[in-house]
N, C-alpha and C. Protein backbone atom coordinates (compact mmCIF):
# COMPACT_ATOMS: atom_id res chain seq x y z
N MET A 1 0.83 -1.18 -0.02
CA MET A 1 -0.03 -0.01 0.07
C MET A 1 0.87 1.18 0.01
N SER A 2 0.63 2.17 -1.01
CA SER A 2 1.51 3.27 -0.93
C SER A 2 1.13 4.30 0.21
N LYS A 3 1.96 5.32 0.42
CA LYS A 3 1.68 6.32 1.49
C LYS A 3 0.39 6.96 1.21
N VAL A 4 0.17 7.41 0.04
CA VAL A 4 -1.13 8.08 -0.36
C VAL A 4 -2.34 7.20 -0.08
N GLU A 5 -2.35 6.00 -0.49
CA GLU A 5 -3.38 5.10 -0.16
C GLU A 5 -3.66 4.89 1.28
N TYR A 6 -2.53 4.77 1.88
CA TYR A 6 -2.59 4.48 3.46
C TYR A 6 -3.19 5.70 4.18
N ILE A 7 -2.84 6.97 3.64
CA ILE A 7 -3.36 8.13 4.37
C ILE A 7 -4.91 8.25 3.87
N GLU A 8 -5.26 7.90 2.77
CA GLU A 8 -6.67 8.12 2.29
C GLU A 8 -7.50 7.00 2.97
N LYS A 9 -6.96 5.70 3.37
CA LYS A 9 -7.77 4.81 3.85
C LYS A 9 -8.07 4.90 5.31
N PHE A 10 -7.26 5.61 6.10
CA PHE A 10 -7.49 5.73 7.35
C PHE A 10 -7.81 7.24 7.84
N ASN A 11 -8.62 7.50 8.88
CA ASN A 11 -8.82 8.69 9.30
C ASN A 11 -7.64 9.02 10.36
N LEU A 12 -6.87 9.95 10.07
CA LEU A 12 -5.69 10.15 10.73
C LEU A 12 -5.98 10.56 12.28
N ALA A 13 -6.97 11.38 12.49
CA ALA A 13 -7.30 11.81 13.73
C ALA A 13 -7.71 10.66 14.61
N GLU A 14 -8.55 9.74 14.10
CA GLU A 14 -9.02 8.59 14.88
C GLU A 14 -7.81 7.62 15.22
N THR A 15 -7.08 7.50 14.22
CA THR A 15 -5.90 6.60 14.33
C THR A 15 -4.86 7.15 15.51
N GLN A 16 -4.60 8.42 15.45
CA GLN A 16 -3.92 9.10 16.36
C GLN A 16 -4.45 9.04 17.83
N ALA A 17 -5.86 9.19 17.93
CA ALA A 17 -6.51 9.00 19.22
C ALA A 17 -6.41 7.76 19.75
N ARG A 18 -6.60 6.63 18.76
CA ARG A 18 -6.70 5.23 19.31
C ARG A 18 -5.21 4.89 19.68
N LEU A 19 -4.08 5.19 18.89
CA LEU A 19 -2.84 5.00 19.41
C LEU A 19 -2.49 5.63 20.78
N ASN A 20 -2.96 6.91 20.91
CA ASN A 20 -2.65 7.51 22.24
C ASN A 20 -3.28 6.89 23.30
N ASP A 21 -4.59 6.42 23.25
CA ASP A 21 -5.29 5.76 24.12
C ASP A 21 -4.39 4.28 24.57
N ASN A 22 -4.16 3.74 23.52
CA ASN A 22 -3.33 2.38 23.74
C ASN A 22 -2.14 2.64 24.46
N LEU A 23 -1.21 3.80 24.22
CA LEU A 23 -0.20 4.00 24.78
C LEU A 23 -0.30 4.29 26.08
N LYS A 24 -1.31 5.30 26.45
CA LYS A 24 -1.72 5.55 27.94
C LYS A 24 -2.05 4.28 28.80
N LYS A 25 -2.72 3.39 28.10
CA LYS A 25 -3.04 2.22 28.83
C LYS A 25 -1.80 1.39 29.05
N ALA A 26 -1.05 1.10 28.05
CA ALA A 26 0.22 0.46 28.18
C ALA A 26 1.15 0.99 29.30
N GLN A 27 1.26 2.38 29.17
CA GLN A 27 2.11 2.99 30.19
C GLN A 27 1.60 2.75 31.71
N LYS A 28 0.24 2.89 31.75
CA LYS A 28 -0.31 2.67 33.15
C LYS A 28 -0.22 1.18 33.58
N ASP A 29 -0.32 0.22 32.68
CA ASP A 29 -0.04 -1.11 33.00
C ASP A 29 1.44 -1.36 33.33
N LEU A 30 2.30 -0.76 32.67
CA LEU A 30 3.80 -0.98 32.98
C LEU A 30 4.01 -0.42 34.23
N GLN A 31 3.45 0.91 34.59
CA GLN A 31 3.58 1.56 35.94
C GLN A 31 3.14 0.69 37.15
N ASP A 32 2.00 0.16 36.82
CA ASP A 32 1.36 -0.75 37.92
C ASP A 32 2.24 -2.01 38.11
N PHE A 33 2.75 -2.72 37.05
CA PHE A 33 3.52 -3.93 37.10
C PHE A 33 4.88 -3.54 37.76
N ASN A 34 5.53 -2.38 37.34
CA ASN A 34 6.79 -1.94 37.92
C ASN A 34 6.55 -1.78 39.52
N LYS A 35 5.48 -1.25 39.99
CA LYS A 35 5.06 -0.97 41.38
C LYS A 35 5.10 -2.22 41.97
N TYR A 36 4.38 -3.18 41.54
CA TYR A 36 4.28 -4.60 41.99
C TYR A 36 5.68 -5.16 42.30
N LEU A 37 6.54 -5.04 41.21
CA LEU A 37 7.82 -5.68 41.31
C LEU A 37 8.63 -4.89 42.41
N GLU A 38 8.56 -3.63 42.57
CA GLU A 38 9.35 -2.91 43.57
C GLU A 38 8.75 -3.38 44.96
N GLU A 39 7.58 -3.50 45.14
CA GLU A 39 6.94 -3.98 46.42
C GLU A 39 7.47 -5.45 46.75
N ARG A 40 7.48 -6.22 45.67
CA ARG A 40 7.89 -7.70 45.86
C ARG A 40 9.41 -7.89 46.28
N TYR A 41 10.21 -7.04 45.63
CA TYR A 41 11.71 -7.36 45.69
C TYR A 41 12.52 -6.27 46.57
N THR A 42 11.97 -5.02 46.90
CA THR A 42 12.82 -4.09 47.51
C THR A 42 13.27 -4.49 48.78
N GLN A 43 12.47 -4.98 49.75
CA GLN A 43 12.86 -5.38 51.10
C GLN A 43 14.08 -6.44 51.09
N GLN A 44 13.88 -7.57 50.28
CA GLN A 44 14.91 -8.44 50.11
C GLN A 44 16.29 -7.87 49.62
N ALA A 45 16.12 -6.89 48.62
CA ALA A 45 17.28 -6.30 47.93
C ALA A 45 17.95 -5.46 49.18
N GLN A 46 17.19 -4.71 49.96
CA GLN A 46 17.70 -3.97 50.96
C GLN A 46 18.48 -4.74 51.94
N GLN A 47 17.98 -5.97 52.35
CA GLN A 47 18.64 -6.73 53.21
C GLN A 47 19.93 -7.32 52.58
N VAL A 48 19.98 -7.75 51.46
CA VAL A 48 21.21 -8.24 50.79
C VAL A 48 22.19 -7.08 50.82
N LEU A 49 21.87 -5.87 50.41
CA LEU A 49 22.76 -4.75 50.40
C LEU A 49 23.11 -4.38 51.89
N ASN A 50 22.35 -4.33 52.82
CA ASN A 50 22.62 -4.03 54.18
C ASN A 50 23.76 -5.21 54.68
N ASP A 51 23.57 -6.35 54.36
CA ASP A 51 24.38 -7.34 54.80
C ASP A 51 25.84 -7.08 54.36
N SER A 52 25.94 -6.43 53.08
CA SER A 52 27.30 -6.15 52.70
C SER A 52 27.64 -4.67 52.88
N GLY A 53 27.00 -4.02 53.79
CA GLY A 53 27.31 -2.81 54.29
C GLY A 53 26.99 -1.51 53.24
N LYS A 54 26.02 -1.86 52.44
CA LYS A 54 25.65 -0.81 51.50
C LYS A 54 24.22 -0.44 51.62
N ASP A 55 23.80 0.77 51.23
CA ASP A 55 22.31 1.20 51.24
C ASP A 55 21.88 1.28 49.80
N PHE A 56 22.72 1.38 48.80
CA PHE A 56 22.23 1.54 47.49
C PHE A 56 23.21 0.52 46.61
N GLY A 57 22.77 0.17 45.45
CA GLY A 57 23.52 -0.81 44.52
C GLY A 57 22.64 -1.64 43.98
N THR A 58 23.23 -2.84 43.56
CA THR A 58 22.67 -3.98 42.85
C THR A 58 22.66 -5.13 43.69
N ALA A 59 21.43 -5.80 43.91
CA ALA A 59 21.45 -6.99 44.56
C ALA A 59 20.92 -8.14 43.65
N ASN A 60 21.66 -9.27 43.75
CA ASN A 60 21.16 -10.36 42.99
C ASN A 60 20.45 -11.28 43.88
N LEU A 61 19.12 -11.65 43.53
CA LEU A 61 18.40 -12.54 44.31
C LEU A 61 18.10 -13.75 43.50
N LEU A 62 17.87 -14.86 44.23
CA LEU A 62 17.47 -16.14 43.49
C LEU A 62 16.08 -16.44 43.79
N GLU A 63 15.27 -16.68 42.84
CA GLU A 63 13.84 -16.93 43.06
C GLU A 63 13.57 -18.30 42.31
N GLY A 64 13.52 -19.45 42.93
CA GLY A 64 13.50 -20.62 42.08
C GLY A 64 14.79 -20.85 41.33
N ASN A 65 14.66 -20.98 40.10
CA ASN A 65 15.74 -21.11 39.10
C ASN A 65 16.15 -19.72 38.33
N THR A 66 15.40 -18.69 38.86
CA THR A 66 15.62 -17.44 38.18
C THR A 66 16.31 -16.39 38.91
N GLN A 67 17.37 -15.90 38.42
CA GLN A 67 18.21 -14.74 38.98
C GLN A 67 17.31 -13.40 38.93
N VAL A 68 17.17 -12.76 39.93
CA VAL A 68 16.42 -11.47 39.86
C VAL A 68 17.46 -10.32 40.27
N LYS A 69 17.80 -9.43 39.32
CA LYS A 69 18.74 -8.35 39.56
C LYS A 69 17.84 -7.26 39.91
N VAL A 70 18.11 -6.67 41.24
CA VAL A 70 17.28 -5.48 41.79
C VAL A 70 18.47 -4.31 41.97
N GLU A 71 18.19 -3.23 41.26
CA GLU A 71 19.00 -2.06 41.34
C GLU A 71 18.31 -0.97 42.36
N LEU A 72 18.81 -0.75 43.37
CA LEU A 72 18.27 0.38 44.20
C LEU A 72 19.22 1.58 43.96
N ARG A 73 18.74 2.46 43.10
CA ARG A 73 19.53 3.61 42.66
C ARG A 73 19.27 4.90 43.50
N LYS A 74 20.39 5.52 43.64
CA LYS A 74 20.19 6.65 44.61
C LYS A 74 20.21 7.95 43.83
N LYS A 75 19.44 8.86 44.33
CA LYS A 75 19.26 10.31 43.85
C LYS A 75 19.79 11.21 44.74
N VAL A 76 20.80 12.08 44.34
CA VAL A 76 21.51 12.93 45.29
C VAL A 76 21.02 14.30 45.04
N ALA A 77 20.55 15.11 46.15
CA ALA A 77 20.23 16.45 46.14
C ALA A 77 21.10 17.18 46.93
N TRP A 78 21.63 18.38 46.53
CA TRP A 78 22.51 19.24 47.41
C TRP A 78 21.79 20.46 47.88
N ASP A 79 22.08 20.89 49.10
CA ASP A 79 21.70 22.14 49.52
C ASP A 79 22.42 23.20 48.85
N GLN A 80 21.90 23.81 47.88
CA GLN A 80 22.69 24.86 47.01
C GLN A 80 23.36 25.82 47.74
N GLU A 81 22.54 26.57 48.69
CA GLU A 81 23.16 27.71 49.37
C GLU A 81 24.35 27.37 50.22
N GLY A 82 23.99 26.21 51.00
CA GLY A 82 25.04 25.73 51.96
C GLY A 82 26.24 25.19 51.26
N LEU A 83 26.10 24.51 50.09
CA LEU A 83 27.29 24.13 49.38
C LEU A 83 28.01 25.23 48.88
N ILE A 84 27.41 26.24 48.31
CA ILE A 84 28.28 27.45 47.72
C ILE A 84 28.97 28.11 48.91
N LYS A 85 28.32 28.27 49.97
CA LYS A 85 28.99 28.82 51.16
C LYS A 85 30.24 28.10 51.54
N TYR A 86 30.12 26.77 51.59
CA TYR A 86 31.12 25.96 51.91
C TYR A 86 32.32 26.00 50.94
N LEU A 87 31.97 25.86 49.52
CA LEU A 87 32.95 25.93 48.56
C LEU A 87 33.72 27.28 48.56
N ASN A 88 33.07 28.21 48.78
CA ASN A 88 33.68 29.55 48.94
C ASN A 88 34.80 29.64 50.03
N THR A 89 34.78 28.83 50.91
CA THR A 89 35.72 28.77 52.12
C THR A 89 36.92 27.95 51.67
N LEU A 90 36.88 27.15 50.54
CA LEU A 90 37.97 26.50 49.96
C LEU A 90 38.93 27.26 49.06
N LYS A 91 40.16 26.85 48.82
CA LYS A 91 40.88 27.46 47.73
C LYS A 91 40.23 27.31 46.43
N ALA A 92 40.41 28.24 45.49
CA ALA A 92 39.69 28.20 44.30
C ALA A 92 39.95 27.01 43.45
N GLU A 93 41.13 26.42 43.46
CA GLU A 93 41.42 25.23 42.69
C GLU A 93 40.82 24.09 43.22
N ASP A 94 40.65 24.04 44.57
CA ASP A 94 39.93 22.87 45.25
C ASP A 94 38.51 22.83 44.98
N ALA A 95 37.84 24.04 44.97
CA ALA A 95 36.40 24.32 44.73
C ALA A 95 36.17 23.72 43.25
N ASP A 96 37.01 24.28 42.47
CA ASP A 96 36.87 24.00 41.01
C ASP A 96 37.06 22.41 40.67
N HIS A 97 37.92 21.83 41.45
CA HIS A 97 38.02 20.45 41.28
C HIS A 97 36.85 19.63 41.84
N LEU A 98 36.22 19.99 42.90
CA LEU A 98 35.14 19.34 43.55
C LEU A 98 33.75 19.57 42.83
N SER A 99 33.64 20.69 42.39
CA SER A 99 32.24 21.12 41.92
C SER A 99 32.14 21.41 40.42
N LYS A 100 30.84 21.46 40.03
CA LYS A 100 30.56 21.78 38.72
C LYS A 100 29.39 22.92 38.77
N VAL A 101 29.70 24.06 38.09
CA VAL A 101 28.65 25.10 38.23
C VAL A 101 27.97 25.23 36.96
N SER A 102 26.60 25.45 37.08
CA SER A 102 25.84 25.50 35.69
C SER A 102 24.87 26.63 35.99
N VAL A 103 24.83 27.72 34.99
CA VAL A 103 24.08 28.76 35.00
C VAL A 103 23.08 28.69 33.88
N THR A 104 21.76 28.99 34.10
CA THR A 104 20.87 28.89 33.03
C THR A 104 19.90 30.18 33.24
N VAL A 105 19.27 30.59 32.15
CA VAL A 105 18.25 31.58 32.31
C VAL A 105 16.88 31.08 31.89
N PRO A 106 16.00 30.92 32.88
CA PRO A 106 14.66 30.35 32.44
C PRO A 106 14.14 31.25 31.14
N GLU A 107 13.45 30.41 30.24
CA GLU A 107 12.87 31.00 29.11
C GLU A 107 11.98 32.08 29.31
N SER A 108 11.18 31.97 30.45
CA SER A 108 10.13 33.07 30.71
C SER A 108 10.81 34.43 31.17
N LYS A 109 12.00 34.27 31.89
CA LYS A 109 12.78 35.47 32.13
C LYS A 109 13.50 36.16 30.92
N TYR A 110 13.90 35.20 30.17
CA TYR A 110 14.50 35.73 28.92
C TYR A 110 13.50 36.42 28.01
N SER A 111 12.33 35.93 27.85
CA SER A 111 11.18 36.42 27.14
C SER A 111 10.86 37.81 27.56
N ASN A 112 10.79 37.90 28.87
CA ASN A 112 10.42 39.18 29.55
C ASN A 112 11.54 40.16 29.83
N ALA A 113 12.68 39.88 29.38
CA ALA A 113 13.81 40.79 29.67
C ALA A 113 13.81 42.07 28.73
N LEU A 114 14.31 43.04 29.15
CA LEU A 114 14.46 44.32 28.21
C LEU A 114 15.16 43.87 26.88
N PRO A 115 14.82 44.53 25.77
CA PRO A 115 15.41 44.23 24.54
C PRO A 115 16.91 44.28 24.50
N ALA A 116 17.39 45.17 25.17
CA ALA A 116 18.92 45.31 25.18
C ALA A 116 19.62 44.18 25.94
N ILE A 117 18.92 43.69 27.04
CA ILE A 117 19.39 42.47 27.72
C ILE A 117 19.21 41.26 26.88
N GLN A 118 18.08 41.09 26.26
CA GLN A 118 17.85 39.92 25.33
C GLN A 118 18.90 39.88 24.27
N HIS A 119 19.31 41.04 23.78
CA HIS A 119 20.38 41.09 22.68
C HIS A 119 21.70 40.54 23.17
N GLU A 120 22.06 40.94 24.48
CA GLU A 120 23.24 40.47 25.04
C GLU A 120 23.08 38.94 25.37
N LEU A 121 22.07 38.47 25.92
CA LEU A 121 21.89 37.20 26.28
C LEU A 121 21.84 36.24 25.11
N LYS A 122 21.43 36.76 24.02
CA LYS A 122 21.23 35.90 22.73
C LYS A 122 22.56 35.41 22.28
N LYS A 123 23.68 36.07 22.65
CA LYS A 123 25.07 35.71 22.24
C LYS A 123 25.40 34.34 22.99
N PHE A 124 24.83 34.01 24.13
CA PHE A 124 25.05 32.82 24.85
C PHE A 124 24.04 31.75 24.80
N ARG A 125 22.94 31.91 23.92
CA ARG A 125 21.93 31.07 23.86
C ARG A 125 21.81 30.36 22.52
N THR A 126 21.61 28.99 22.66
CA THR A 126 21.43 28.09 21.59
C THR A 126 20.03 27.47 21.68
N VAL A 127 19.30 27.56 20.49
CA VAL A 127 17.89 26.95 20.66
C VAL A 127 17.80 25.68 19.47
N SER A 128 17.41 24.55 19.77
CA SER A 128 17.44 23.56 18.78
C SER A 128 16.08 22.95 18.92
N LEU A 129 15.67 22.20 17.79
CA LEU A 129 14.44 21.50 17.73
C LEU A 129 14.53 20.36 18.66
N GLN A 130 13.60 20.14 19.61
CA GLN A 130 13.57 19.09 20.58
C GLN A 130 12.62 17.91 20.09
N GLY A 131 11.68 18.27 19.28
CA GLY A 131 10.82 17.40 18.90
C GLY A 131 9.63 17.94 18.06
N VAL A 132 8.82 17.05 17.36
CA VAL A 132 7.68 17.52 16.60
C VAL A 132 6.42 16.89 17.18
N LYS A 133 5.33 17.61 17.40
CA LYS A 133 4.08 17.00 17.72
C LYS A 133 2.97 17.33 16.77
N VAL A 134 2.24 16.49 16.40
CA VAL A 134 1.18 16.86 15.33
C VAL A 134 -0.19 16.35 16.00
N THR A 135 -1.18 17.33 16.11
CA THR A 135 -2.49 16.88 16.69
C THR A 135 -3.50 17.35 15.66
N PHE A 136 -4.66 16.81 15.79
CA PHE A 136 -5.80 17.04 14.94
C PHE A 136 -6.93 17.62 15.71
N GLU A 137 -7.61 18.72 15.36
CA GLU A 137 -8.72 19.26 15.99
C GLU A 137 -10.07 19.33 15.04
N GLY A 138 -11.06 18.96 15.55
CA GLY A 138 -12.33 19.07 14.80
C GLY A 138 -12.40 17.82 13.95
N GLU A 139 -13.35 17.88 12.92
CA GLU A 139 -13.50 16.78 11.90
C GLU A 139 -12.66 16.78 10.93
N GLU A 140 -12.19 15.66 10.40
CA GLU A 140 -11.27 15.51 9.25
C GLU A 140 -12.02 15.38 8.09
């Protein structure tokens, strides 16, 4: 079937809506299943890791003849103000070695900045296409 025949045969809006519904259901099912797996294996994995003196990492469990790999990943958040105060007490080269500094300008602040400031900020700004979304409204 050619591309033109395919497009003429199907209502694009209906097809998109059906696929989106299927995707949402599959995502929900996957989320529920992953929650079940988390509830089933987290406590055992924590015990294995604790026995080896760790709070996070990978625990290999044996269930029947099946090896189950459970990863307890950590997420680290830093107190930004306290960290900057501490880093400022160190020698500059030590602070540079230990830390990474990132500066951004929120898009809403950039859009509302004075034209002269926008002009200067533009020198440091790169905009690229992140993706494309096509939707249909009304009857086709």
